Amino acid sequence: RYAFPSELDLMAQLAGLRLERRTANWDDSPFTTTSTHHVSLYSHQPAD
């Protein structure tokens, strides 16, 4: 079962996380609409 990055972002937001950055792979290539992979970094967002 797979999920799109936008779905992962919503799940993270519901868990109190926010997207810090997203790249296409581990070498920091830019994530674009044609990317087939991604590395996403989330951080905890305080409730207030």
All heavy atoms as atom14 arrays in JSON, in Angstrom:
{
  "sequence": "RYAFPSELDLMAQLAGLRLERRTANWDDSPFTTTSTHHVSLYSHQPAD",
  "atom14_mask": [
    [1, 1, 1, 1, 1, 1, 1, 1, 1, 1, 1, 0, 0, 0],
    [1, 1, 1, 1, 1, 1, 1, 1, 1, 1, 1, 1, 0, 0],
    [1, 1, 1, 1, 1, 0, 0, 0, 0, 0, 0, 0, 0, 0],
    [1, 1, 1, 1, 1, 1, 1, 1, 1, 1, 1, 0, 0, 0],
    [1, 1, 1, 1, 1, 1, 1, 0, 0, 0, 0, 0, 0, 0],
    [1, 1, 1, 1, 1, 1, 0, 0, 0, 0, 0, 0, 0, 0],
    [1, 1, 1, 1, 1, 1, 1, 1, 1, 0, 0, 0, 0, 0],
    [1, 1, 1, 1, 1, 1, 1, 1, 0, 0, 0, 0, 0, 0],
    [1, 1, 1, 1, 1, 1, 1, 1, 0, 0, 0, 0, 0, 0],
    [1, 1, 1, 1, 1, 1, 1, 1, 0, 0, 0, 0, 0, 0],
    [1, 1, 1, 1, 1, 1, 1, 1, 0, 0, 0, 0, 0, 0],
    [1, 1, 1, 1, 1, 0, 0, 0, 0, 0, 0, 0, 0, 0],
    [1, 1, 1, 1, 1, 1, 1, 1, 1, 0, 0, 0, 0, 0],
    [1, 1, 1, 1, 1, 1, 1, 1, 0, 0, 0, 0, 0, 0],
    [1, 1, 1, 1, 1, 0, 0, 0, 0, 0, 0, 0, 0, 0],
    [1, 1, 1, 1, 0, 0, 0, 0, 0, 0, 0, 0, 0, 0],
    [1, 1, 1, 1, 1, 1, 1, 1, 0, 0, 0, 0, 0, 0],
    [1, 1, 1, 1, 1, 1, 1, 1, 1, 1, 1, 0, 0, 0],
    [1, 1, 1, 1, 1, 1, 1, 1, 0, 0, 0, 0, 0, 0],
    [1, 1, 1, 1, 1, 1, 1, 1, 1, 0, 0, 0, 0, 0],
    [1, 1, 1, 1, 1, 1, 1, 1, 1, 1, 1, 0, 0, 0],
    [1, 1, 1, 1, 1, 1, 1, 1, 1, 1, 1, 0, 0, 0],
    [1, 1, 1, 1, 1, 1, 1, 0, 0, 0, 0, 0, 0, 0],
    [1, 1, 1, 1, 1, 0, 0, 0, 0, 0, 0, 0, 0, 0],
    [1, 1, 1, 1, 1, 1, 1, 1, 0, 0, 0, 0, 0, 0],
    [1, 1, 1, 1, 1, 1, 1, 1, 1, 1, 1, 1, 1, 1],
    [1, 1, 1, 1, 1, 1, 1, 1, 0, 0, 0, 0, 0, 0],
    [1, 1, 1, 1, 1, 1, 1, 1, 0, 0, 0, 0, 0, 0],
    [1, 1, 1, 1, 1, 1, 0, 0, 0, 0, 0, 0, 0, 0],
    [1, 1, 1, 1, 1, 1, 1, 0, 0, 0, 0, 0, 0, 0],
    [1, 1, 1, 1, 1, 1, 1, 1, 1, 1, 1, 0, 0, 0],
    [1, 1, 1, 1, 1, 1, 1, 0, 0, 0, 0, 0, 0, 0],
    [1, 1, 1, 1, 1, 1, 1, 0, 0, 0, 0, 0, 0, 0],
    [1, 1, 1, 1, 1, 1, 1, 0, 0, 0, 0, 0, 0, 0],
    [1, 1, 1, 1, 1, 1, 0, 0, 0, 0, 0, 0, 0, 0],
    [1, 1, 1, 1, 1, 1, 1, 0, 0, 0, 0, 0, 0, 0],
    [1, 1, 1, 1, 1, 1, 1, 1, 1, 1, 0, 0, 0, 0],
    [1, 1, 1, 1, 1, 1, 1, 1, 1, 1, 0, 0, 0, 0],
    [1, 1, 1, 1, 1, 1, 1, 0, 0, 0, 0, 0, 0, 0],
    [1, 1, 1, 1, 1, 1, 0, 0, 0, 0, 0, 0, 0, 0],
    [1, 1, 1, 1, 1, 1, 1, 1, 0, 0, 0, 0, 0, 0],
    [1, 1, 1, 1, 1, 1, 1, 1, 1, 1, 1, 1, 0, 0],
    [1, 1, 1, 1, 1, 1, 0, 0, 0, 0, 0, 0, 0, 0],
    [1, 1, 1, 1, 1, 1, 1, 1, 1, 1, 0, 0, 0, 0],
    [1, 1, 1, 1, 1, 1, 1, 1, 1, 0, 0, 0, 0, 0],
    [1, 1, 1, 1, 1, 1, 1, 0, 0, 0, 0, 0, 0, 0],
    [1, 1, 1, 1, 1, 0, 0, 0, 0, 0, 0, 0, 0, 0],
    [1, 1, 1, 1, 1, 1, 1, 1, 0, 0, 0, 0, 0, 0]
  ],
  "atom14_positions": [
    [[0.87, -1.18, 0.0], [0.0, 0.0, 0.0], [0.9, 1.21, 0.0], [1.86, 1.28, 0.76], [-0.89, -0.03, 1.25], [-1.59, 1.28, 1.65], [-2.61, 1.73, 0.62], [-3.54, 2.72, 1.13], [-3.33, 4.03, 1.11], [-2.2, 4.53, 0.66], [-4.26, 4.85, 1.58], [0.0, 0.0, 0.0], [0.0, 0.0, 0.0], [0.0, 0.0, 0.0]],
    [[0.62, 2.16, -0.86], [1.45, 3.35, -0.9], [0.63, 4.59, -0.61], [-0.6, 4.58, -0.7], [2.18, 3.48, -2.24], [1.28, 3.57, -3.46], [0.82, 4.8, -3.9], [0.9, 2.44, -4.16], [0.0, 4.89, -5.02], [0.09, 2.51, -5.27], [-0.36, 3.74, -5.69], [-1.17, 3.83, -6.79], [0.0, 0.0, 0.0], [0.0, 0.0, 0.0]],
    [[1.3, 5.66, -0.23], [0.66, 6.93, 0.05], [1.46, 8.02, -0.66], [2.68, 7.95, -0.77], [0.63, 7.2, 1.55], [0.0, 0.0, 0.0], [0.0, 0.0, 0.0], [0.0, 0.0, 0.0], [0.0, 0.0, 0.0], [0.0, 0.0, 0.0], [0.0, 0.0, 0.0], [0.0, 0.0, 0.0], [0.0, 0.0, 0.0], [0.0, 0.0, 0.0]],
    [[0.75, 9.02, -1.13], [1.39, 10.15, -1.79], [1.94, 11.11, -0.74], [1.46, 11.14, 0.4], [0.39, 10.87, -2.69], [-0.01, 10.06, -3.89], [-1.23, 9.41, -3.93], [0.85, 9.92, -4.96], [-1.6, 8.66, -5.03], [0.49, 9.16, -6.06], [-0.73, 8.53, -6.1], [0.0, 0.0, 0.0], [0.0, 0.0, 0.0], [0.0, 0.0, 0.0]],
    [[2.95, 11.91, -1.09], [3.52, 12.84, -0.12], [2.47, 13.75, 0.53], [2.55, 14.01, 1.73], [4.53, 13.65, -0.95], [4.98, 12.67, -1.99], [3.73, 11.9, -2.34], [0.0, 0.0, 0.0], [0.0, 0.0, 0.0], [0.0, 0.0, 0.0], [0.0, 0.0, 0.0], [0.0, 0.0, 0.0], [0.0, 0.0, 0.0], [0.0, 0.0, 0.0]],
    [[1.48, 14.18, -0.22], [0.45, 15.05, 0.37], [-0.33, 14.32, 1.47], [-0.72, 14.93, 2.47], [-0.5, 15.56, -0.71], [-1.1, 14.47, -1.4], [0.0, 0.0, 0.0], [0.0, 0.0, 0.0], [0.0, 0.0, 0.0], [0.0, 0.0, 0.0], [0.0, 0.0, 0.0], [0.0, 0.0, 0.0], [0.0, 0.0, 0.0], [0.0, 0.0, 0.0]],
    [[-0.55, 13.02, 1.31], [-1.23, 12.23, 2.34], [-0.35, 12.09, 3.57], [-0.83, 12.17, 4.71], [-1.58, 10.84, 1.81], [-2.62, 10.87, 0.7], [-2.82, 9.5, 0.1], [-1.94, 9.07, -0.68], [-3.84, 8.87, 0.42], [0.0, 0.0, 0.0], [0.0, 0.0, 0.0], [0.0, 0.0, 0.0], [0.0, 0.0, 0.0], [0.0, 0.0, 0.0]],
    [[0.95, 11.87, 3.35], [1.88, 11.78, 4.48], [1.93, 13.11, 5.23], [1.98, 13.13, 6.47], [3.27, 11.39, 3.99], [3.38, 10.03, 3.31], [4.79, 9.83, 2.77], [2.99, 8.92, 4.27], [0.0, 0.0, 0.0], [0.0, 0.0, 0.0], [0.0, 0.0, 0.0], [0.0, 0.0, 0.0], [0.0, 0.0, 0.0], [0.0, 0.0, 0.0]],
    [[1.9, 14.22, 4.49], [1.92, 15.54, 5.12], [0.69, 15.74, 6.0], [0.79, 16.28, 7.11], [1.99, 16.65, 4.07], [3.3, 16.66, 3.29], [4.26, 16.0, 3.73], [3.34, 17.32, 2.24], [0.0, 0.0, 0.0], [0.0, 0.0, 0.0], [0.0, 0.0, 0.0], [0.0, 0.0, 0.0], [0.0, 0.0, 0.0], [0.0, 0.0, 0.0]],
    [[-0.47, 15.31, 5.52], [-1.69, 15.44, 6.31], [-1.63, 14.58, 7.56], [-1.98, 15.03, 8.66], [-2.92, 15.07, 5.47], [-4.26, 15.11, 6.21], [-4.54, 16.5, 6.79], [-5.39, 14.68, 5.27], [0.0, 0.0, 0.0], [0.0, 0.0, 0.0], [0.0, 0.0, 0.0], [0.0, 0.0, 0.0], [0.0, 0.0, 0.0], [0.0, 0.0, 0.0]],
    [[-1.16, 13.34, 7.43], [-1.03, 12.47, 8.6], [-0.06, 13.06, 9.61], [-0.3, 13.03, 10.82], [-0.59, 11.06, 8.19], [-1.66, 10.27, 7.48], [-1.2, 8.56, 7.16], [-0.3, 8.74, 5.62], [0.0, 0.0, 0.0], [0.0, 0.0, 0.0], [0.0, 0.0, 0.0], [0.0, 0.0, 0.0], [0.0, 0.0, 0.0], [0.0, 0.0, 0.0]],
    [[1.04, 13.62, 9.11], [2.02, 14.25, 10.0], [1.4, 15.45, 10.7], [1.58, 15.63, 11.92], [3.25, 14.68, 9.2], [0.0, 0.0, 0.0], [0.0, 0.0, 0.0], [0.0, 0.0, 0.0], [0.0, 0.0, 0.0], [0.0, 0.0, 0.0], [0.0, 0.0, 0.0], [0.0, 0.0, 0.0], [0.0, 0.0, 0.0], [0.0, 0.0, 0.0]],
    [[0.66, 16.28, 9.96], [0.02, 17.45, 10.55], [-0.96, 17.04, 11.65], [-0.98, 17.63, 12.73], [-0.72, 18.24, 9.47], [-1.4, 19.49, 9.98], [-2.18, 20.19, 8.88], [-2.33, 19.68, 7.77], [-2.7, 21.36, 9.2], [0.0, 0.0, 0.0], [0.0, 0.0, 0.0], [0.0, 0.0, 0.0], [0.0, 0.0, 0.0], [0.0, 0.0, 0.0]],
    [[-1.73, 15.99, 11.4], [-2.68, 15.5, 12.4], [-1.97, 14.96, 13.64], [-2.54, 14.94, 14.73], [-3.59, 14.43, 11.8], [-4.55, 14.92, 10.72], [-5.25, 13.74, 10.06], [-5.54, 15.92, 11.28], [0.0, 0.0, 0.0], [0.0, 0.0, 0.0], [0.0, 0.0, 0.0], [0.0, 0.0, 0.0], [0.0, 0.0, 0.0], [0.0, 0.0, 0.0]],
    [[-0.72, 14.54, 13.49], [0.07, 14.04, 14.61], [0.89, 15.14, 15.28], [1.7, 14.87, 16.16], [1.0, 12.93, 14.13], [0.0, 0.0, 0.0], [0.0, 0.0, 0.0], [0.0, 0.0, 0.0], [0.0, 0.0, 0.0], [0.0, 0.0, 0.0], [0.0, 0.0, 0.0], [0.0, 0.0, 0.0], [0.0, 0.0, 0.0], [0.0, 0.0, 0.0]],
    [[0.69, 16.39, 14.85], [1.42, 17.5, 15.46], [2.79, 17.73, 14.87], [3.65, 18.34, 15.51], [0.0, 0.0, 0.0], [0.0, 0.0, 0.0], [0.0, 0.0, 0.0], [0.0, 0.0, 0.0], [0.0, 0.0, 0.0], [0.0, 0.0, 0.0], [0.0, 0.0, 0.0], [0.0, 0.0, 0.0], [0.0, 0.0, 0.0], [0.0, 0.0, 0.0]],
    [[3.02, 17.24, 13.66], [4.31, 17.44, 13.0], [4.14, 18.4, 11.83], [3.04, 18.6, 11.33], [4.85, 16.1, 12.49], [5.02, 15.01, 13.52], [5.42, 13.71, 12.83], [6.04, 15.4, 14.56], [0.0, 0.0, 0.0], [0.0, 0.0, 0.0], [0.0, 0.0, 0.0], [0.0, 0.0, 0.0], [0.0, 0.0, 0.0], [0.0, 0.0, 0.0]],
    [[5.25, 18.99, 11.4], [5.19, 19.82, 10.2], [6.37, 19.49, 9.31], [7.45, 19.11, 9.77], [5.14, 21.3, 10.52], [6.41, 21.89, 11.05], [6.19, 23.37, 11.36], [7.45, 23.97, 11.7], [8.11, 24.81, 10.92], [7.61, 25.17, 9.77], [9.26, 25.3, 11.31], [0.0, 0.0, 0.0], [0.0, 0.0, 0.0], [0.0, 0.0, 0.0]],
    [[6.16, 19.65, 8.03], [7.19, 19.36, 7.05], [8.29, 20.41, 7.13], [8.01, 21.61, 7.01], [6.58, 19.33, 5.64], [7.55, 19.07, 4.49], [8.12, 17.66, 4.58], [6.84, 19.27, 3.16], [0.0, 0.0, 0.0], [0.0, 0.0, 0.0], [0.0, 0.0, 0.0], [0.0, 0.0, 0.0], [0.0, 0.0, 0.0], [0.0, 0.0, 0.0]],
    [[9.51, 19.98, 7.34], [10.66, 20.88, 7.35], [11.24, 21.0, 5.94], [11.55, 22.09, 5.49], [11.73, 20.37, 8.31], [11.38, 20.51, 9.76], [11.34, 21.96, 10.21], [12.13, 22.78, 9.7], [10.5, 22.26, 11.08], [0.0, 0.0, 0.0], [0.0, 0.0, 0.0], [0.0, 0.0, 0.0], [0.0, 0.0, 0.0], [0.0, 0.0, 0.0]],
    [[11.4, 19.85, 5.28], [11.96, 19.86, 3.92], [11.71, 18.53, 3.25], [11.48, 17.52, 3.91], [13.44, 20.19, 3.92], [14.28, 19.21, 4.7], [15.71, 19.63, 4.71], [16.34, 18.99, 3.57], [17.61, 18.68, 3.49], [18.41, 19.0, 4.45], [18.1, 18.08, 2.45], [0.0, 0.0, 0.0], [0.0, 0.0, 0.0], [0.0, 0.0, 0.0]],
    [[11.74, 18.55, 1.94], [11.55, 17.32, 1.17], [12.51, 17.38, -0.02], [12.61, 18.38, -0.7], [10.11, 17.22, 0.68], [9.88, 16.04, -0.25], [8.4, 15.84, -0.57], [7.72, 15.32, 0.62], [6.58, 15.79, 1.09], [5.97, 16.77, 0.49], [6.04, 15.25, 2.17], [0.0, 0.0, 0.0], [0.0, 0.0, 0.0], [0.0, 0.0, 0.0]],
    [[13.21, 16.26, -0.24], [14.11, 16.15, -1.39], [13.74, 14.89, -2.17], [12.99, 14.05, -1.7], [15.58, 16.07, -0.94], [15.75, 14.94, -0.09], [16.0, 17.33, -0.21], [0.0, 0.0, 0.0], [0.0, 0.0, 0.0], [0.0, 0.0, 0.0], [0.0, 0.0, 0.0], [0.0, 0.0, 0.0], [0.0, 0.0, 0.0], [0.0, 0.0, 0.0]],
    [[14.28, 14.79, -3.37], [13.96, 13.64, -4.23], [14.7, 12.38, -3.81], [14.26, 11.28, -4.13], [14.28, 13.96, -5.69], [0.0, 0.0, 0.0], [0.0, 0.0, 0.0], [0.0, 0.0, 0.0], [0.0, 0.0, 0.0], [0.0, 0.0, 0.0], [0.0, 0.0, 0.0], [0.0, 0.0, 0.0], [0.0, 0.0, 0.0], [0.0, 0.0, 0.0]],
    [[15.81, 12.53, -3.1], [16.58, 11.38, -2.64], [17.57, 11.82, -1.57], [17.54, 12.98, -1.14], [17.28, 10.67, -3.81], [18.09, 11.62, -4.65], [18.73, 12.51, -4.12], [18.04, 11.47, -5.96], [0.0, 0.0, 0.0], [0.0, 0.0, 0.0], [0.0, 0.0, 0.0], [0.0, 0.0, 0.0], [0.0, 0.0, 0.0], [0.0, 0.0, 0.0]],
    [[18.45, 10.92, -1.15], [19.36, 11.22, -0.04], [20.47, 12.2, -0.42], [21.13, 12.74, 0.46], [19.98, 9.93, 0.5], [18.97, 9.07, 1.2], [18.43, 7.91, 0.75], [18.36, 9.33, 2.46], [17.51, 7.41, 1.64], [17.45, 8.27, 2.72], [18.48, 10.35, 3.4], [16.68, 8.21, 3.87], [17.71, 10.27, 4.56], [16.82, 9.22, 4.78]],
    [[20.69, 12.44, -1.71], [21.75, 13.4, -2.08], [21.21, 14.82, -2.23], [21.86, 15.67, -2.81], [22.49, 12.94, -3.35], [21.63, 13.02, -4.6], [20.5, 13.52, -4.55], [22.11, 12.56, -5.66], [0.0, 0.0, 0.0], [0.0, 0.0, 0.0], [0.0, 0.0, 0.0], [0.0, 0.0, 0.0], [0.0, 0.0, 0.0], [0.0, 0.0, 0.0]],
    [[20.02, 15.08, -1.7], [19.41, 16.41, -1.66], [19.0, 16.95, -3.03], [18.89, 18.15, -3.21], [20.31, 17.43, -0.96], [20.39, 17.17, 0.53], [19.46, 16.56, 1.08], [21.39, 17.57, 1.15], [0.0, 0.0, 0.0], [0.0, 0.0, 0.0], [0.0, 0.0, 0.0], [0.0, 0.0, 0.0], [0.0, 0.0, 0.0], [0.0, 0.0, 0.0]],
    [[18.76, 16.08, -4.0], [18.23, 16.54, -5.28], [16.85, 17.13, -5.05], [16.1, 16.64, -4.22], [18.13, 15.39, -6.28], [19.39, 14.84, -6.55], [0.0, 0.0, 0.0], [0.0, 0.0, 0.0], [0.0, 0.0, 0.0], [0.0, 0.0, 0.0], [0.0, 0.0, 0.0], [0.0, 0.0, 0.0], [0.0, 0.0, 0.0], [0.0, 0.0, 0.0]],
    [[16.49, 18.17, -5.8], [15.18, 18.8, -5.6], [14.03, 17.84, -5.87], [14.09, 17.03, -6.79], [15.17, 19.94, -6.62], [16.59, 20.17, -6.99], [17.3, 18.86, -6.81], [0.0, 0.0, 0.0], [0.0, 0.0, 0.0], [0.0, 0.0, 0.0], [0.0, 0.0, 0.0], [0.0, 0.0, 0.0], [0.0, 0.0, 0.0], [0.0, 0.0, 0.0]],
    [[13.0, 17.94, -5.05], [11.78, 17.16, -5.25], [10.9, 17.92, -6.24], [10.59, 19.1, -6.03], [11.05, 16.98, -3.91], [9.78, 16.19, -4.03], [9.83, 14.81, -4.17], [8.55, 16.81, -4.01], [8.66, 14.07, -4.28], [7.37, 16.08, -4.12], [7.44, 14.71, -4.25], [0.0, 0.0, 0.0], [0.0, 0.0, 0.0], [0.0, 0.0, 0.0]],
    [[10.53, 17.26, -7.33], [9.71, 17.89, -8.36], [8.5, 17.01, -8.68], [8.38, 15.9, -8.15], [10.51, 18.12, -9.66], [10.82, 16.83, -10.23], [11.8, 18.88, -9.39], [0.0, 0.0, 0.0], [0.0, 0.0, 0.0], [0.0, 0.0, 0.0], [0.0, 0.0, 0.0], [0.0, 0.0, 0.0], [0.0, 0.0, 0.0], [0.0, 0.0, 0.0]],
    [[7.66, 17.46, -9.57], [6.47, 16.69, -9.95], [6.83, 15.42, -10.68], [6.0, 14.52, -10.79], [5.53, 17.53, -10.82], [6.24, 17.99, -11.96], [4.98, 18.72, -10.04], [0.0, 0.0, 0.0], [0.0, 0.0, 0.0], [0.0, 0.0, 0.0], [0.0, 0.0, 0.0], [0.0, 0.0, 0.0], [0.0, 0.0, 0.0], [0.0, 0.0, 0.0]],
    [[8.06, 15.3, -11.18], [8.47, 14.08, -11.88], [9.29, 13.14, -10.99], [9.7, 12.08, -11.44], [9.29, 14.42, -13.14], [10.44, 15.16, -12.76], [8.45, 15.22, -14.13], [0.0, 0.0, 0.0], [0.0, 0.0, 0.0], [0.0, 0.0, 0.0], [0.0, 0.0, 0.0], [0.0, 0.0, 0.0], [0.0, 0.0, 0.0], [0.0, 0.0, 0.0]],
    [[9.49, 13.52, -9.73], [10.26, 12.66, -8.8], [9.51, 11.37, -8.54], [8.29, 11.37, -8.38], [10.49, 13.39, -7.48], [11.28, 14.55, -7.66], [0.0, 0.0, 0.0], [0.0, 0.0, 0.0], [0.0, 0.0, 0.0], [0.0, 0.0, 0.0], [0.0, 0.0, 0.0], [0.0, 0.0, 0.0], [0.0, 0.0, 0.0], [0.0, 0.0, 0.0]],
    [[10.24, 10.27, -8.49], [9.63, 8.96, -8.21], [9.88, 8.51, -6.78], [9.32, 7.51, -6.34], [10.17, 7.89, -9.18], [11.59, 7.83, -9.03], [9.8, 8.21, -10.61], [0.0, 0.0, 0.0], [0.0, 0.0, 0.0], [0.0, 0.0, 0.0], [0.0, 0.0, 0.0], [0.0, 0.0, 0.0], [0.0, 0.0, 0.0], [0.0, 0.0, 0.0]],
    [[10.72, 9.22, -6.05], [11.03, 8.92, -4.65], [11.07, 10.23, -3.88], [11.14, 11.31, -4.47], [12.39, 8.23, -4.52], [12.45, 6.9, -5.18], [12.64, 6.77, -6.54], [12.32, 5.66, -4.69], [12.64, 5.48, -6.85], [12.45, 4.78, -5.74], [0.0, 0.0, 0.0], [0.0, 0.0, 0.0], [0.0, 0.0, 0.0], [0.0, 0.0, 0.0]],
    [[11.06, 10.13, -2.57], [11.23, 11.33, -1.76], [11.8, 10.98, -0.4], [11.64, 9.87, 0.09], [9.92, 12.12, -1.6], [8.91, 11.43, -0.75], [8.77, 11.69, 0.59], [7.98, 10.5, -1.05], [7.8, 10.96, 1.08], [7.31, 10.2, 0.11], [0.0, 0.0, 0.0], [0.0, 0.0, 0.0], [0.0, 0.0, 0.0], [0.0, 0.0, 0.0]],
    [[12.48, 11.97, 0.17], [12.94, 11.91, 1.55], [12.32, 13.13, 2.22], [12.55, 14.26, 1.78], [14.48, 11.97, 1.65], [14.93, 12.01, 3.1], [15.1, 10.79, 0.91], [0.0, 0.0, 0.0], [0.0, 0.0, 0.0], [0.0, 0.0, 0.0], [0.0, 0.0, 0.0], [0.0, 0.0, 0.0], [0.0, 0.0, 0.0], [0.0, 0.0, 0.0]],
    [[11.49, 12.9, 3.22], [10.77, 14.0, 3.87], [11.2, 14.08, 5.33], [11.27, 13.07, 6.02], [9.26, 13.79, 3.79], [8.85, 13.78, 2.44], [0.0, 0.0, 0.0], [0.0, 0.0, 0.0], [0.0, 0.0, 0.0], [0.0, 0.0, 0.0], [0.0, 0.0, 0.0], [0.0, 0.0, 0.0], [0.0, 0.0, 0.0], [0.0, 0.0, 0.0]],
    [[11.48, 15.29, 5.79], [11.9, 15.53, 7.16], [10.79, 16.32, 7.86], [10.41, 17.4, 7.41], [13.21, 16.32, 7.19], [13.71, 16.76, 8.56], [14.06, 15.55, 9.41], [14.89, 17.69, 8.41], [0.0, 0.0, 0.0], [0.0, 0.0, 0.0], [0.0, 0.0, 0.0], [0.0, 0.0, 0.0], [0.0, 0.0, 0.0], [0.0, 0.0, 0.0]],
    [[10.27, 15.75, 8.93], [9.22, 16.39, 9.72], [9.77, 16.73, 11.09], [10.66, 16.05, 11.6], [8.02, 15.45, 9.88], [7.33, 15.11, 8.58], [7.68, 13.96, 7.87], [6.34, 15.91, 8.07], [7.05, 13.64, 6.69], [5.7, 15.6, 6.88], [6.06, 14.46, 6.2], [5.45, 14.13, 5.01], [0.0, 0.0, 0.0], [0.0, 0.0, 0.0]],
    [[9.22, 17.77, 11.71], [9.61, 18.12, 13.07], [8.36, 18.3, 13.91], [7.28, 18.54, 13.38], [10.46, 19.39, 13.09], [9.7, 20.49, 12.65], [0.0, 0.0, 0.0], [0.0, 0.0, 0.0], [0.0, 0.0, 0.0], [0.0, 0.0, 0.0], [0.0, 0.0, 0.0], [0.0, 0.0, 0.0], [0.0, 0.0, 0.0], [0.0, 0.0, 0.0]],
    [[8.54, 18.18, 15.22], [7.42, 18.34, 16.14], [7.03, 19.81, 16.18], [7.88, 20.68, 16.27], [7.79, 17.85, 17.54], [6.67, 17.96, 18.5], [6.56, 19.0, 19.38], [5.59, 17.16, 18.7], [5.45, 18.84, 20.09], [4.85, 17.73, 19.7], [0.0, 0.0, 0.0], [0.0, 0.0, 0.0], [0.0, 0.0, 0.0], [0.0, 0.0, 0.0]],
    [[5.74, 20.05, 16.13], [5.23, 21.41, 16.19], [4.48, 21.55, 17.51], [3.48, 20.86, 17.73], [4.28, 21.65, 15.02], [3.72, 23.04, 14.95], [2.9, 23.22, 13.69], [3.19, 22.63, 12.67], [1.87, 24.03, 13.77], [0.0, 0.0, 0.0], [0.0, 0.0, 0.0], [0.0, 0.0, 0.0], [0.0, 0.0, 0.0], [0.0, 0.0, 0.0]],
    [[4.95, 22.41, 18.41], [4.25, 22.57, 19.69], [2.78, 22.94, 19.46], [2.44, 23.62, 18.51], [5.01, 23.71, 20.38], [6.36, 23.71, 19.73], [6.13, 23.24, 18.32], [0.0, 0.0, 0.0], [0.0, 0.0, 0.0], [0.0, 0.0, 0.0], [0.0, 0.0, 0.0], [0.0, 0.0, 0.0], [0.0, 0.0, 0.0], [0.0, 0.0, 0.0]],
    [[1.91, 22.46, 20.34], [0.47, 22.66, 20.18], [0.07, 24.12, 20.11], [-0.86, 24.48, 19.42], [-0.27, 21.97, 21.33], [0.0, 0.0, 0.0], [0.0, 0.0, 0.0], [0.0, 0.0, 0.0], [0.0, 0.0, 0.0], [0.0, 0.0, 0.0], [0.0, 0.0, 0.0], [0.0, 0.0, 0.0], [0.0, 0.0, 0.0], [0.0, 0.0, 0.0]],
    [[0.79, 25.01, 20.81], [0.42, 26.43, 20.81], [1.05, 27.2, 19.66], [0.81, 28.38, 19.49], [0.79, 27.08, 22.14], [2.29, 27.01, 22.43], [2.98, 26.2, 21.77], [2.75, 27.75, 23.31], [0.0, 0.0, 0.0], [0.0, 0.0, 0.0], [0.0, 0.0, 0.0], [0.0, 0.0, 0.0], [0.0, 0.0, 0.0], [0.0, 0.0, 0.0]]
  ]
}
